[in-house]
Amino acid sequence: MKTGTILAATMALASAIAAQPAQASAFFAWEVTDVAWGDVLNVRKYPAVYSQKQSAYPNGTVLSMTGRCTDGVEMDDIAGLPYWRQRQAVRYRWCEVWHDPANDGNFVTGWVYGRYIKPN
C-alpha cells in the first residue's frame, strides 16, 4: 500500500469518527425513594401514567438509569450538582431506566417518575 493511500484512509477514518455524535456510555445508579409504605414504583413502557406497566420496585431498589429524562434533562449534565439540585432537576419529569422485568436476562428500557428516585 502506498503512503498516500494509507494517509488518505487514516484521515477518512479520523473524520468519520469525529463526525459521530457523542453517546452516553455510562449508566447512572439512582435509588427508589419516598414511595408510600407498602407501595412500589411502577416502571412504565412510555413516560406517561397511563402507559403499560413493565415492572415495579420498592423503596431502596437501585435502578440503572440511562441518563435520559423528559424535557431534555440529561443526568450527565446534572451529575456534578449538589444532591438536592439533582433531585429537583428530575422531580417532575420521567426518567428512563434499563431493567430486567422478567429476571431472565432480557433487559429493556422503561420509564419511572422522577419524584420517586434519588441519586445513589
PDB file of N, CA and C in Angstrom:
ATOM      1  N   MET A   1       0.841  -1.171   0.000  1.00  0.00           N
ATOM      2  CA  MET A   1       0.000   0.000   0.000  1.00  0.00           C
ATOM      3  C   MET A   1       0.891   1.240   0.000  1.00  0.00           C
ATOM      4  N   LYS A   2       0.538   2.225  -0.749  1.00  0.00           N
ATOM      5  CA  LYS A   2       1.320   3.442  -0.853  1.00  0.00           C
ATOM      6  C   LYS A   2       1.056   4.344   0.347  1.00  0.00           C
ATOM      7  N   THR A   3       2.050   5.166   0.680  1.00  0.00           N
ATOM      8  CA  THR A   3       1.954   6.075   1.812  1.00  0.00           C
ATOM      9  C   THR A   3       0.780   7.035   1.657  1.00  0.00           C
ATOM     10  N   GLY A   4       0.558   7.544   0.458  1.00  0.00           N
ATOM     11  CA  GLY A   4      -0.561   8.458   0.207  1.00  0.00           C
ATOM     12  C   GLY A   4      -1.905   7.796   0.452  1.00  0.00           C
ATOM     13  N   THR A   5      -2.032   6.531   0.071  1.00  0.00           N
ATOM     14  CA  THR A   5      -3.276   5.791   0.271  1.00  0.00           C
ATOM     15  C   THR A   5      -3.527   5.552   1.758  1.00  0.00           C
ATOM     16  N   ILE A   6      -2.479   5.192   2.487  1.00  0.00           N
ATOM     17  CA  ILE A   6      -2.602   4.962   3.934  1.00  0.00           C
ATOM     18  C   ILE A   6      -2.990   6.260   4.630  1.00  0.00           C
ATOM     19  N   LEU A   7      -2.329   7.355   4.250  1.00  0.00           N
ATOM     20  CA  LEU A   7      -2.637   8.648   4.854  1.00  0.00           C
ATOM     21  C   LEU A   7      -4.078   9.057   4.569  1.00  0.00           C
ATOM     22  N   ALA A   8      -4.524   8.872   3.336  1.00  0.00           N
ATOM     23  CA  ALA A   8      -5.902   9.219   2.973  1.00  0.00           C
ATOM     24  C   ALA A   8      -6.904   8.371   3.741  1.00  0.00           C
ATOM     25  N   ALA A   9      -6.625   7.071   3.870  1.00  0.00           N
ATOM     26  CA  ALA A   9      -7.523   6.176   4.609  1.00  0.00           C
ATOM     27  C   ALA A   9      -7.571   6.552   6.085  1.00  0.00           C
ATOM     28  N   THR A  10      -6.421   6.886   6.658  1.00  0.00           N
ATOM     29  CA  THR A  10      -6.358   7.284   8.067  1.00  0.00           C
ATOM     30  C   THR A  10      -7.137   8.568   8.298  1.00  0.00           C
ATOM     31  N   MET A  11      -6.973   9.527   7.396  1.00  0.00           N
ATOM     32  CA  MET A  11      -7.694  10.796   7.539  1.00  0.00           C
ATOM     33  C   MET A  11      -9.192  10.601   7.370  1.00  0.00           C
ATOM     34  N   ALA A  12      -9.598   9.735   6.459  1.00  0.00           N
ATOM     35  CA  ALA A  12     -11.028   9.464   6.264  1.00  0.00           C
ATOM     36  C   ALA A  12     -11.624   8.816   7.509  1.00  0.00           C
ATOM     37  N   LEU A  13     -10.885   7.874   8.103  1.00  0.00           N
ATOM     38  CA  LEU A  13     -11.353   7.212   9.320  1.00  0.00           C
ATOM     39  C   LEU A  13     -11.463   8.211  10.470  1.00  0.00           C
ATOM     40  N   ALA A  14     -10.465   9.064  10.618  1.00  0.00           N
ATOM     41  CA  ALA A  14     -10.484  10.073  11.683  1.00  0.00           C
ATOM     42  C   ALA A  14     -11.661  11.021  11.502  1.00  0.00           C
ATOM     43  N   SER A  15     -11.956  11.406  10.267  1.00  0.00           N
ATOM     44  CA  SER A  15     -13.101  12.287  10.002  1.00  0.00           C
ATOM     45  C   SER A  15     -14.413  11.607  10.355  1.00  0.00           C
ATOM     46  N   ALA A  16     -14.526  10.337  10.006  1.00  0.00           N
ATOM     47  CA  ALA A  16     -15.753   9.592  10.291  1.00  0.00           C
ATOM     48  C   ALA A  16     -15.979   9.469  11.786  1.00  0.00           C
ATOM     49  N   ILE A  17     -14.913   9.214  12.533  1.00  0.00           N
ATOM     50  CA  ILE A  17     -15.031   9.080  13.993  1.00  0.00           C
ATOM     51  C   ILE A  17     -15.403  10.424  14.607  1.00  0.00           C
ATOM     52  N   ALA A  18     -14.766  11.493  14.169  1.00  0.00           N
ATOM     53  CA  ALA A  18     -15.036  12.823  14.708  1.00  0.00           C
ATOM     54  C   ALA A  18     -16.454  13.286  14.398  1.00  0.00           C
ATOM     55  N   ALA A  19     -17.014  12.816  13.293  1.00  0.00           N
ATOM     56  CA  ALA A  19     -18.353  13.241  12.891  1.00  0.00           C
ATOM     57  C   ALA A  19     -19.457  12.534  13.662  1.00  0.00           C
ATOM     58  N   GLN A  20     -19.132  11.462  14.387  1.00  0.00           N
ATOM     59  CA  GLN A  20     -20.140  10.722  15.141  1.00  0.00           C
ATOM     60  C   GLN A  20     -20.624  11.538  16.326  1.00  0.00           C
ATOM     61  N   PRO A  21     -21.931  11.545  16.610  1.00  0.00           N
ATOM     62  CA  PRO A  21     -22.433  12.269  17.778  1.00  0.00           C
ATOM     63  C   PRO A  21     -21.987  11.588  19.063  1.00  0.00           C
ATOM     64  N   ALA A  22     -21.807  12.369  20.101  1.00  0.00           N
ATOM     65  CA  ALA A  22     -21.420  11.811  21.396  1.00  0.00           C
ATOM     66  C   ALA A  22     -22.556  10.963  21.942  1.00  0.00           C
ATOM     67  N   GLN A  23     -22.250   9.820  22.447  1.00  0.00           N
ATOM     68  CA  GLN A  23     -23.235   8.913  23.030  1.00  0.00           C
ATOM     69  C   GLN A  23     -22.882   8.679  24.496  1.00  0.00           C
ATOM     70  N   ALA A  24     -23.878   8.619  25.344  1.00  0.00           N
ATOM     71  CA  ALA A  24     -23.637   8.291  26.744  1.00  0.00           C
ATOM     72  C   ALA A  24     -23.200   6.839  26.833  1.00  0.00           C
ATOM     73  N   SER A  25     -22.121   6.598  27.535  1.00  0.00           N
ATOM     74  CA  SER A  25     -21.627   5.234  27.632  1.00  0.00           C
ATOM     75  C   SER A  25     -21.761   4.683  29.043  1.00  0.00           C
ATOM     76  N   ALA A  26     -22.187   5.500  29.961  1.00  0.00           N
ATOM     77  CA  ALA A  26     -22.294   5.061  31.343  1.00  0.00           C
ATOM     78  C   ALA A  26     -23.748   5.113  31.803  1.00  0.00           C
ATOM     79  N   PHE A  27     -24.062   4.229  32.711  1.00  0.00           N
ATOM     80  CA  PHE A  27     -25.379   4.270  33.329  1.00  0.00           C
ATOM     81  C   PHE A  27     -25.244   4.970  34.672  1.00  0.00           C
ATOM     82  N   PHE A  28     -26.336   5.471  35.179  1.00  0.00           N
ATOM     83  CA  PHE A  28     -26.346   6.187  36.441  1.00  0.00           C
ATOM     84  C   PHE A  28     -27.159   5.379  37.443  1.00  0.00           C
ATOM     85  N   ALA A  29     -26.627   5.204  38.637  1.00  0.00           N
ATOM     86  CA  ALA A  29     -27.328   4.462  39.687  1.00  0.00           C
ATOM     87  C   ALA A  29     -28.144   5.441  40.527  1.00  0.00           C
ATOM     88  N   TRP A  30     -29.454   5.302  40.484  1.00  0.00           N
ATOM     89  CA  TRP A  30     -30.360   6.074  41.317  1.00  0.00           C
ATOM     90  C   TRP A  30     -31.215   5.089  42.094  1.00  0.00           C
ATOM     91  N   GLU A  31     -31.719   5.517  43.229  1.00  0.00           N
ATOM     92  CA  GLU A  31     -32.444   4.631  44.148  1.00  0.00           C
ATOM     93  C   GLU A  31     -33.912   5.033  44.258  1.00  0.00           C
ATOM     94  N   VAL A  32     -34.776   4.024  44.355  1.00  0.00           N
ATOM     95  CA  VAL A  32     -36.202   4.271  44.587  1.00  0.00           C
ATOM     96  C   VAL A  32     -36.363   4.807  46.001  1.00  0.00           C
ATOM     97  N   THR A  33     -37.134   5.880  46.143  1.00  0.00           N
ATOM     98  CA  THR A  33     -37.315   6.525  47.445  1.00  0.00           C
ATOM     99  C   THR A  33     -38.680   7.191  47.551  1.00  0.00           C
ATOM    100  N   ASP A  34     -39.119   7.416  48.760  1.00  0.00           N
ATOM    101  CA  ASP A  34     -40.340   8.177  49.056  1.00  0.00           C
ATOM    102  C   ASP A  34     -41.632   7.547  48.529  1.00  0.00           C
ATOM    103  N   VAL A  35     -41.595   6.262  48.200  1.00  0.00           N
ATOM    104  CA  VAL A  35     -42.823   5.565  47.820  1.00  0.00           C
ATOM    105  C   VAL A  35     -43.556   5.236  49.126  1.00  0.00           C
ATOM    106  N   ALA A  36     -44.844   5.381  49.143  1.00  0.00           N
ATOM    107  CA  ALA A  36     -45.630   5.122  50.352  1.00  0.00           C
ATOM    108  C   ALA A  36     -45.389   3.702  50.867  1.00  0.00           C
ATOM    109  N   TRP A  37     -45.481   3.546  52.186  1.00  0.00           N
ATOM    110  CA  TRP A  37     -45.283   2.246  52.807  1.00  0.00           C
ATOM    111  C   TRP A  37     -46.207   1.217  52.167  1.00  0.00           C
ATOM    112  N   GLY A  38     -45.649   0.069  51.794  1.00  0.00           N
ATOM    113  CA  GLY A  38     -46.428  -0.999  51.195  1.00  0.00           C
ATOM    114  C   GLY A  38     -46.687  -0.823  49.704  1.00  0.00           C
ATOM    115  N   ASP A  39     -46.197   0.265  49.126  1.00  0.00           N
ATOM    116  CA  ASP A  39     -46.405   0.528  47.704  1.00  0.00           C
ATOM    117  C   ASP A  39     -45.090   0.323  46.950  1.00  0.00           C
ATOM    118  N   VAL A  40     -45.123   0.444  45.635  1.00  0.00           N
ATOM    119  CA  VAL A  40     -43.945   0.260  44.789  1.00  0.00           C
ATOM    120  C   VAL A  40     -43.927   1.337  43.704  1.00  0.00           C
ATOM    121  N   LEU A  41     -42.760   1.536  43.127  1.00  0.00           N
ATOM    122  CA  LEU A  41     -42.609   2.452  41.995  1.00  0.00           C
ATOM    123  C   LEU A  41     -42.785   1.659  40.707  1.00  0.00           C
ATOM    124  N   ASN A  42     -43.765   2.046  39.914  1.00  0.00           N
ATOM    125  CA  ASN A  42     -44.012   1.365  38.645  1.00  0.00           C
ATOM    126  C   ASN A  42     -43.042   1.846  37.572  1.00  0.00           C
ATOM    127  N   VAL A  43     -42.544   0.897  36.790  1.00  0.00           N
ATOM    128  CA  VAL A  43     -41.767   1.220  35.598  1.00  0.00           C
ATOM    129  C   VAL A  43     -42.721   1.048  34.437  1.00  0.00           C
ATOM    130  N   ARG A  44     -42.825   2.073  33.606  1.00  0.00           N
ATOM    131  CA  ARG A  44     -43.777   2.061  32.509  1.00  0.00           C
ATOM    132  C   ARG A  44     -43.071   2.041  31.162  1.00  0.00           C
ATOM    133  N   LYS A  45     -43.776   1.530  30.171  1.00  0.00           N
ATOM    134  CA  LYS A  45     -43.201   1.393  28.834  1.00  0.00           C
ATOM    135  C   LYS A  45     -42.881   2.754  28.214  1.00  0.00           C
ATOM    136  N   TYR A  46     -43.748   3.726  28.435  1.00  0.00           N
ATOM    137  CA  TYR A  46     -43.570   5.082  27.919  1.00  0.00           C
ATOM    138  C   TYR A  46     -43.692   6.062  29.080  1.00  0.00           C
ATOM    139  N   PRO A  47     -43.199   7.287  28.937  1.00  0.00           N
ATOM    140  CA  PRO A  47     -43.250   8.254  30.043  1.00  0.00           C
ATOM    141  C   PRO A  47     -44.632   8.870  30.238  1.00  0.00           C
ATOM    142  N   ALA A  48     -45.560   8.059  30.727  1.00  0.00           N
ATOM    143  CA  ALA A  48     -46.921   8.529  30.988  1.00  0.00           C
ATOM    144  C   ALA A  48     -47.588   7.619  32.012  1.00  0.00           C
ATOM    145  N   VAL A  49     -48.390   8.184  32.878  1.00  0.00           N
ATOM    146  CA  VAL A  49     -49.039   7.417  33.943  1.00  0.00           C
ATOM    147  C   VAL A  49     -50.003   6.364  33.398  1.00  0.00           C
ATOM    148  N   TYR A  50     -50.529   6.562  32.212  1.00  0.00           N
ATOM    149  CA  TYR A  50     -51.473   5.608  31.617  1.00  0.00           C
ATOM    150  C   TYR A  50     -50.775   4.542  30.773  1.00  0.00           C
ATOM    151  N   SER A  51     -49.465   4.609  30.668  1.00  0.00           N
ATOM    152  CA  SER A  51     -48.710   3.643  29.864  1.00  0.00           C
ATOM    153  C   SER A  51     -48.636   2.279  30.556  1.00  0.00           C
ATOM    154  N   GLN A  52     -48.413   1.261  29.760  1.00  0.00           N
ATOM    155  CA  GLN A  52     -48.315  -0.119  30.250  1.00  0.00           C
ATOM    156  C   GLN A  52     -47.227  -0.257  31.319  1.00  0.00           C
ATOM    157  N   LYS A  53     -47.559  -0.951  32.416  1.00  0.00           N
ATOM    158  CA  LYS A  53     -46.580  -1.236  33.468  1.00  0.00           C
ATOM    159  C   LYS A  53     -45.689  -2.384  33.031  1.00  0.00           C
ATOM    160  N   GLN A  54     -44.393  -2.214  33.217  1.00  0.00           N
ATOM    161  CA  GLN A  54     -43.440  -3.276  32.898  1.00  0.00           C
ATOM    162  C   GLN A  54     -42.990  -4.024  34.139  1.00  0.00           C
ATOM    163  N   SER A  55     -42.850  -3.294  35.231  1.00  0.00           N
ATOM    164  CA  SER A  55     -42.343  -3.867  36.468  1.00  0.00           C
ATOM    165  C   SER A  55     -42.610  -2.880  37.594  1.00  0.00           C
ATOM    166  N   ALA A  56     -42.249  -3.263  38.814  1.00  0.00           N
ATOM    167  CA  ALA A  56     -42.411  -2.370  39.960  1.00  0.00           C
ATOM    168  C   ALA A  56     -41.322  -2.681  40.980  1.00  0.00           C
ATOM    169  N   TYR A  57     -40.841  -1.627  41.649  1.00  0.00           N
ATOM    170  CA  TYR A  57     -39.736  -1.787  42.602  1.00  0.00           C
ATOM    171  C   TYR A  57     -40.034  -1.047  43.893  1.00  0.00           C
ATOM    172  N   PRO A  58     -39.672  -1.646  45.037  1.00  0.00           N
ATOM    173  CA  PRO A  58     -39.903  -0.993  46.335  1.00  0.00           C
ATOM    174  C   PRO A  58     -38.801   0.017  46.659  1.00  0.00           C
ATOM    175  N   ASN A  59     -39.036   0.820  47.706  1.00  0.00           N
ATOM    176  CA  ASN A  59     -38.015   1.736  48.209  1.00  0.00           C
ATOM    177  C   ASN A  59     -36.704   0.995  48.431  1.00  0.00           C
ATOM    178  N   GLY A  60     -35.599   1.656  48.143  1.00  0.00           N
ATOM    179  CA  GLY A  60     -34.281   1.078  48.363  1.00  0.00           C
ATOM    180  C   GLY A  60     -33.703   0.345  47.160  1.00  0.00           C
ATOM    181  N   THR A  61     -34.536   0.047  46.165  1.00  0.00           N
ATOM    182  CA  THR A  61     -34.044  -0.633  44.973  1.00  0.00           C
ATOM    183  C   THR A  61     -33.171   0.335  44.177  1.00  0.00           C
ATOM    184  N   VAL A  62     -31.988  -0.122  43.780  1.00  0.00           N
ATOM    185  CA  VAL A  62     -31.112   0.701  42.956  1.00  0.00           C
ATOM    186  C   VAL A  62     -31.449   0.426  41.494  1.00  0.00           C
ATOM    187  N   LEU A  63     -31.722   1.503  40.767  1.00  0.00           N
ATOM    188  CA  LEU A  63     -32.084   1.406  39.360  1.00  0.00           C
ATOM    189  C   LEU A  63     -30.918   1.856  38.485  1.00  0.00           C
ATOM    190  N   SER A  64     -30.791   1.237  37.347  1.00  0.00           N
ATOM    191  CA  SER A  64     -29.781   1.618  36.370  1.00  0.00           C
ATOM    192  C   SER A  64     -30.437   2.589  35.385  1.00  0.00           C
ATOM    193  N   MET A  65     -30.091   3.852  35.509  1.00  0.00           N
ATOM    194  CA  MET A  65     -30.686   4.898  34.688  1.00  0.00           C
ATOM    195  C   MET A  65     -29.878   5.051  33.400  1.00  0.00           C
ATOM    196  N   THR A  66     -30.558   5.304  32.286  1.00  0.00           N
ATOM    197  CA  THR A  66     -29.846   5.516  31.030  1.00  0.00           C
ATOM    198  C   THR A  66     -29.257   6.916  30.954  1.00  0.00           C
ATOM    199  N   GLY A  67     -29.758   7.822  31.776  1.00  0.00           N
ATOM    200  CA  GLY A  67     -29.266   9.192  31.780  1.00  0.00           C
ATOM    201  C   GLY A  67     -30.186  10.165  31.080  1.00  0.00           C
ATOM    202  N   ARG A  68     -31.270   9.666  30.531  1.00  0.00           N
ATOM    203  CA  ARG A  68     -32.190  10.499  29.768  1.00  0.00           C
ATOM    204  C   ARG A  68     -33.494  10.691  30.531  1.00  0.00           C
ATOM    205  N   CYS A  69     -33.933  11.942  30.626  1.00  0.00           N
ATOM    206  CA  CYS A  69     -35.226  12.267  31.229  1.00  0.00           C
ATOM    207  C   CYS A  69     -36.004  13.137  30.243  1.00  0.00           C
ATOM    208  N   THR A  70     -37.309  13.254  30.480  1.00  0.00           N
ATOM    209  CA  THR A  70     -38.129  14.084  29.611  1.00  0.00           C
ATOM    210  C   THR A  70     -37.738  15.558  29.748  1.00  0.00           C
ATOM    211  N   ASP A  71     -38.201  16.360  28.835  1.00  0.00           N
ATOM    212  CA  ASP A  71     -37.925  17.794  28.791  1.00  0.00           C
ATOM    213  C   ASP A  71     -36.433  18.099  28.601  1.00  0.00           C
ATOM    214  N   GLY A  72     -35.698  17.150  28.021  1.00  0.00           N
ATOM    215  CA  GLY A  72     -34.298  17.381  27.684  1.00  0.00           C
ATOM    216  C   GLY A  72     -33.320  17.327  28.835  1.00  0.00           C
ATOM    217  N   VAL A  73     -33.738  16.837  29.991  1.00  0.00           N
ATOM    218  CA  VAL A  73     -32.818  16.728  31.122  1.00  0.00           C
ATOM    219  C   VAL A  73     -31.929  15.497  30.923  1.00  0.00           C
ATOM    220  N   GLU A  74     -30.627  15.713  30.995  1.00  0.00           N
ATOM    221  CA  GLU A  74     -29.645  14.633  30.883  1.00  0.00           C
ATOM    222  C   GLU A  74     -28.918  14.497  32.214  1.00  0.00           C
ATOM    223  N   MET A  75     -28.853  13.291  32.748  1.00  0.00           N
ATOM    224  CA  MET A  75     -28.201  13.077  34.032  1.00  0.00           C
ATOM    225  C   MET A  75     -26.713  13.399  33.976  1.00  0.00           C
ATOM    226  N   ASP A  76     -26.117  13.284  32.816  1.00  0.00           N
ATOM    227  CA  ASP A  76     -24.731  13.700  32.631  1.00  0.00           C
ATOM    228  C   ASP A  76     -24.557  15.171  32.993  1.00  0.00           C
ATOM    229  N   ASP A  77     -25.530  15.985  32.602  1.00  0.00           N
ATOM    230  CA  ASP A  77     -25.456  17.422  32.821  1.00  0.00           C
ATOM    231  C   ASP A  77     -25.682  17.819  34.273  1.00  0.00           C
ATOM    232  N   ILE A  78     -26.407  16.997  35.028  1.00  0.00           N
ATOM    233  CA  ILE A  78     -26.717  17.356  36.419  1.00  0.00           C
ATOM    234  C   ILE A  78     -25.878  16.584  37.434  1.00  0.00           C
ATOM    235  N   ALA A  79     -25.054  15.653  36.975  1.00  0.00           N
ATOM    236  CA  ALA A  79     -24.295  14.775  37.879  1.00  0.00           C
ATOM    237  C   ALA A  79     -23.399  15.532  38.854  1.00  0.00           C
ATOM    238  N   GLY A  80     -22.861  16.679  38.465  1.00  0.00           N
ATOM    239  CA  GLY A  80     -21.964  17.431  39.338  1.00  0.00           C
ATOM    240  C   GLY A  80     -22.664  18.374  40.293  1.00  0.00           C
ATOM    241  N   LEU A  81     -23.973  18.477  40.169  1.00  0.00           N
ATOM    242  CA  LEU A  81     -24.732  19.373  41.040  1.00  0.00           C
ATOM    243  C   LEU A  81     -24.894  18.774  42.430  1.00  0.00           C
ATOM    244  N   PRO A  82     -25.175  19.618  43.433  1.00  0.00           N
ATOM    245  CA  PRO A  82     -25.474  19.078  44.764  1.00  0.00           C
ATOM    246  C   PRO A  82     -26.667  18.112  44.701  1.00  0.00           C
ATOM    247  N   TYR A  83     -26.689  17.203  45.647  1.00  0.00           N
ATOM    248  CA  TYR A  83     -27.725  16.167  45.726  1.00  0.00           C
ATOM    249  C   TYR A  83     -29.125  16.746  45.554  1.00  0.00           C
ATOM    250  N   TRP A  84     -29.472  17.778  46.321  1.00  0.00           N
ATOM    251  CA  TRP A  84     -30.826  18.338  46.285  1.00  0.00           C
ATOM    252  C   TRP A  84     -31.155  18.937  44.926  1.00  0.00           C
ATOM    253  N   ARG A  85     -30.149  19.493  44.218  1.00  0.00           N
ATOM    254  CA  ARG A  85     -30.387  20.072  42.896  1.00  0.00           C
ATOM    255  C   ARG A  85     -30.640  18.980  41.857  1.00  0.00           C
ATOM    256  N   GLN A  86     -29.960  17.832  42.011  1.00  0.00           N
ATOM    257  CA  GLN A  86     -30.200  16.711  41.106  1.00  0.00           C
ATOM    258  C   GLN A  86     -31.631  16.214  41.251  1.00  0.00           C
ATOM    259  N   ARG A  87     -32.059  16.058  42.486  1.00  0.00           N
ATOM    260  CA  ARG A  87     -33.443  15.613  42.729  1.00  0.00           C
ATOM    261  C   ARG A  87     -34.446  16.611  42.193  1.00  0.00           C
ATOM    262  N   GLN A  88     -34.153  17.888  42.382  1.00  0.00           N
ATOM    263  CA  GLN A  88     -35.039  18.941  41.901  1.00  0.00           C
ATOM    264  C   GLN A  88     -35.124  18.924  40.374  1.00  0.00           C
ATOM    265  N   ALA A  89     -34.011  18.637  39.712  1.00  0.00           N
ATOM    266  CA  ALA A  89     -33.969  18.650  38.250  1.00  0.00           C
ATOM    267  C   ALA A  89     -34.856  17.577  37.625  1.00  0.00           C
ATOM    268  N   VAL A  90     -35.045  16.446  38.324  1.00  0.00           N
ATOM    269  CA  VAL A  90     -35.849  15.353  37.756  1.00  0.00           C
ATOM    270  C   VAL A  90     -37.219  15.220  38.408  1.00  0.00           C
ATOM    271  N   ARG A  91     -37.501  15.998  39.422  1.00  0.00           N
ATOM    272  CA  ARG A  91     -38.702  15.827  40.249  1.00  0.00           C
ATOM    273  C   ARG A  91     -40.009  15.699  39.460  1.00  0.00           C
ATOM    274  N   TYR A  92     -40.221  16.519  38.464  1.00  0.00           N
ATOM    275  CA  TYR A  92     -41.477  16.478  37.715  1.00  0.00           C
ATOM    276  C   TYR A  92     -41.274  15.965  36.290  1.00  0.00           C
ATOM    277  N   ARG A  93     -40.312  15.077  36.124  1.00  0.00           N
ATOM    278  CA  ARG A  93     -40.008  14.520  34.811  1.00  0.00           C
ATOM    279  C   ARG A  93     -40.001  12.998  34.888  1.00  0.00           C
ATOM    280  N   TRP A  94     -40.099  12.378  33.752  1.00  0.00           N
ATOM    281  CA  TRP A  94     -39.951  10.932  33.657  1.00  0.00           C
ATOM    282  C   TRP A  94     -38.508  10.650  33.254  1.00  0.00           C
ATOM    283  N   CYS A  95     -37.913   9.626  33.859  1.00  0.00           N
ATOM    284  CA  CYS A  95     -36.536   9.267  33.551  1.00  0.00           C
ATOM    285  C   CYS A  95     -36.479   7.803  33.103  1.00  0.00           C
ATOM    286  N   GLU A  96     -35.612   7.550  32.159  1.00  0.00           N
ATOM    287  CA  GLU A  96     -35.521   6.227  31.541  1.00  0.00           C
ATOM    288  C   GLU A  96     -34.590   5.303  32.335  1.00  0.00           C
ATOM    289  N   VAL A  97     -35.040   4.080  32.523  1.00  0.00           N
ATOM    290  CA  VAL A  97     -34.248   3.059  33.222  1.00  0.00           C
ATOM    291  C   VAL A  97     -33.968   1.890  32.293  1.00  0.00           C
ATOM    292  N   TRP A  98     -32.941   1.142  32.649  1.00  0.00           N
ATOM    293  CA  TRP A  98     -32.567  -0.080  31.950  1.00  0.00           C
ATOM    294  C   TRP A  98     -32.784  -1.190  32.964  1.00  0.00           C
ATOM    295  N   HIS A  99     -33.727  -2.091  32.706  1.00  0.00           N
ATOM    296  CA  HIS A  99     -34.056  -3.097  33.725  1.00  0.00           C
ATOM    297  C   HIS A  99     -34.453  -4.427  33.084  1.00  0.00           C
ATOM    298  N   ASP A 100     -34.568  -5.433  33.922  1.00  0.00           N
ATOM    299  CA  ASP A 100     -34.891  -6.801  33.509  1.00  0.00           C
ATOM    300  C   ASP A 100     -36.194  -7.209  34.202  1.00  0.00           C
ATOM    301  N   PRO A 101     -37.349  -6.817  33.655  1.00  0.00           N
ATOM    302  CA  PRO A 101     -38.615  -7.034  34.356  1.00  0.00           C
ATOM    303  C   PRO A 101     -38.949  -8.497  34.629  1.00  0.00           C
ATOM    304  N   ALA A 102     -38.509  -9.410  33.780  1.00  0.00           N
ATOM    305  CA  ALA A 102     -38.833 -10.829  33.970  1.00  0.00           C
ATOM    306  C   ALA A 102     -37.703 -11.597  34.662  1.00  0.00           C
ATOM    307  N   ASN A 103     -36.624 -10.903  35.025  1.00  0.00           N
ATOM    308  CA  ASN A 103     -35.454 -11.552  35.636  1.00  0.00           C
ATOM    309  C   ASN A 103     -34.957 -12.727  34.807  1.00  0.00           C
ATOM    310  N   ASP A 104     -34.940 -12.542  33.485  1.00  0.00           N
ATOM    311  CA  ASP A 104     -34.494 -13.621  32.593  1.00  0.00           C
ATOM    312  C   ASP A 104     -33.317 -13.203  31.710  1.00  0.00           C
ATOM    313  N   GLY A 105     -32.694 -12.064  32.036  1.00  0.00           N
ATOM    314  CA  GLY A 105     -31.548 -11.605  31.270  1.00  0.00           C
ATOM    315  C   GLY A 105     -31.900 -10.764  30.059  1.00  0.00           C
ATOM    316  N   ASN A 106     -33.185 -10.528  29.830  1.00  0.00           N
ATOM    317  CA  ASN A 106     -33.615  -9.697  28.703  1.00  0.00           C
ATOM    318  C   ASN A 106     -33.922  -8.290  29.205  1.00  0.00           C
ATOM    319  N   PHE A 107     -32.930  -7.433  29.112  1.00  0.00           N
ATOM    320  CA  PHE A 107     -33.077  -6.069  29.593  1.00  0.00           C
ATOM    321  C   PHE A 107     -33.803  -5.206  28.573  1.00  0.00           C
ATOM    322  N   VAL A 108     -34.633  -4.307  29.089  1.00  0.00           N
ATOM    323  CA  VAL A 108     -35.389  -3.371  28.261  1.00  0.00           C
ATOM    324  C   VAL A 108     -35.338  -1.998  28.930  1.00  0.00           C
ATOM    325  N   THR A 109     -35.738  -0.989  28.183  1.00  0.00           N
ATOM    326  CA  THR A 109     -35.843   0.328  28.788  1.00  0.00           C
ATOM    327  C   THR A 109     -37.289   0.556  29.220  1.00  0.00           C
ATOM    328  N   GLY A 110     -37.442   1.361  30.228  1.00  0.00           N
ATOM    329  CA  GLY A 110     -38.749   1.753  30.736  1.00  0.00           C
ATOM    330  C   GLY A 110     -38.615   3.133  31.364  1.00  0.00           C
ATOM    331  N   TRP A 111     -39.681   3.641  31.931  1.00  0.00           N
ATOM    332  CA  TRP A 111     -39.690   4.994  32.477  1.00  0.00           C
ATOM    333  C   TRP A 111     -40.243   5.015  33.895  1.00  0.00           C
ATOM    334  N   VAL A 112     -39.594   5.797  34.772  1.00  0.00           N
ATOM    335  CA  VAL A 112     -40.074   5.999  36.140  1.00  0.00           C
ATOM    336  C   VAL A 112     -40.275   7.496  36.371  1.00  0.00           C
ATOM    337  N   TYR A 113     -41.168   7.827  37.300  1.00  0.00           N
ATOM    338  CA  TYR A 113     -41.409   9.234  37.601  1.00  0.00           C
ATOM    339  C   TYR A 113     -40.335   9.722  38.564  1.00  0.00           C
ATOM    340  N   GLY A 114     -39.728  10.860  38.232  1.00  0.00           N
ATOM    341  CA  GLY A 114     -38.586  11.386  38.971  1.00  0.00           C
ATOM    342  C   GLY A 114     -38.843  11.730  40.421  1.00  0.00           C
ATOM    343  N   ARG A 115     -40.059  11.942  40.793  1.00  0.00           N
ATOM    344  CA  ARG A 115     -40.394  12.264  42.184  1.00  0.00           C
ATOM    345  C   ARG A 115     -39.966  11.151  43.137  1.00  0.00           C
ATOM    346  N   TYR A 116     -39.859   9.928  42.609  1.00  0.00           N
ATOM    347  CA  TYR A 116     -39.605   8.769  43.453  1.00  0.00           C
ATOM    348  C   TYR A 116     -38.221   8.150  43.270  1.00  0.00           C
ATOM    349  N   ILE A 117     -37.264   8.951  42.800  1.00  0.00           N
ATOM    350  CA  ILE A 117     -35.892   8.452  42.690  1.00  0.00           C
ATOM    351  C   ILE A 117     -34.924   9.483  43.256  1.00  0.00           C
ATOM    352  N   LYS A 118     -33.766   9.000  43.694  1.00  0.00           N
ATOM    353  CA  LYS A 118     -32.714   9.903  44.195  1.00  0.00           C
ATOM    354  C   LYS A 118     -31.366   9.343  43.780  1.00  0.00           C
ATOM    355  N   PRO A 119     -30.357  10.220  43.674  1.00  0.00           N
ATOM    356  CA  PRO A 119     -29.020   9.733  43.329  1.00  0.00           C
ATOM    357  C   PRO A 119     -28.527   8.751  44.378  1.00  0.00           C
ATOM    358  N   ASN A 120     -27.867   7.723  43.942  1.00  0.00           N
ATOM    359  CA  ASN A 120     -27.361   6.713  44.884  1.00  0.00           C
ATOM    360  C   ASN A 120     -25.909   6.972  45.197  1.00  0.00           C
TER     361      ASN A 120
END
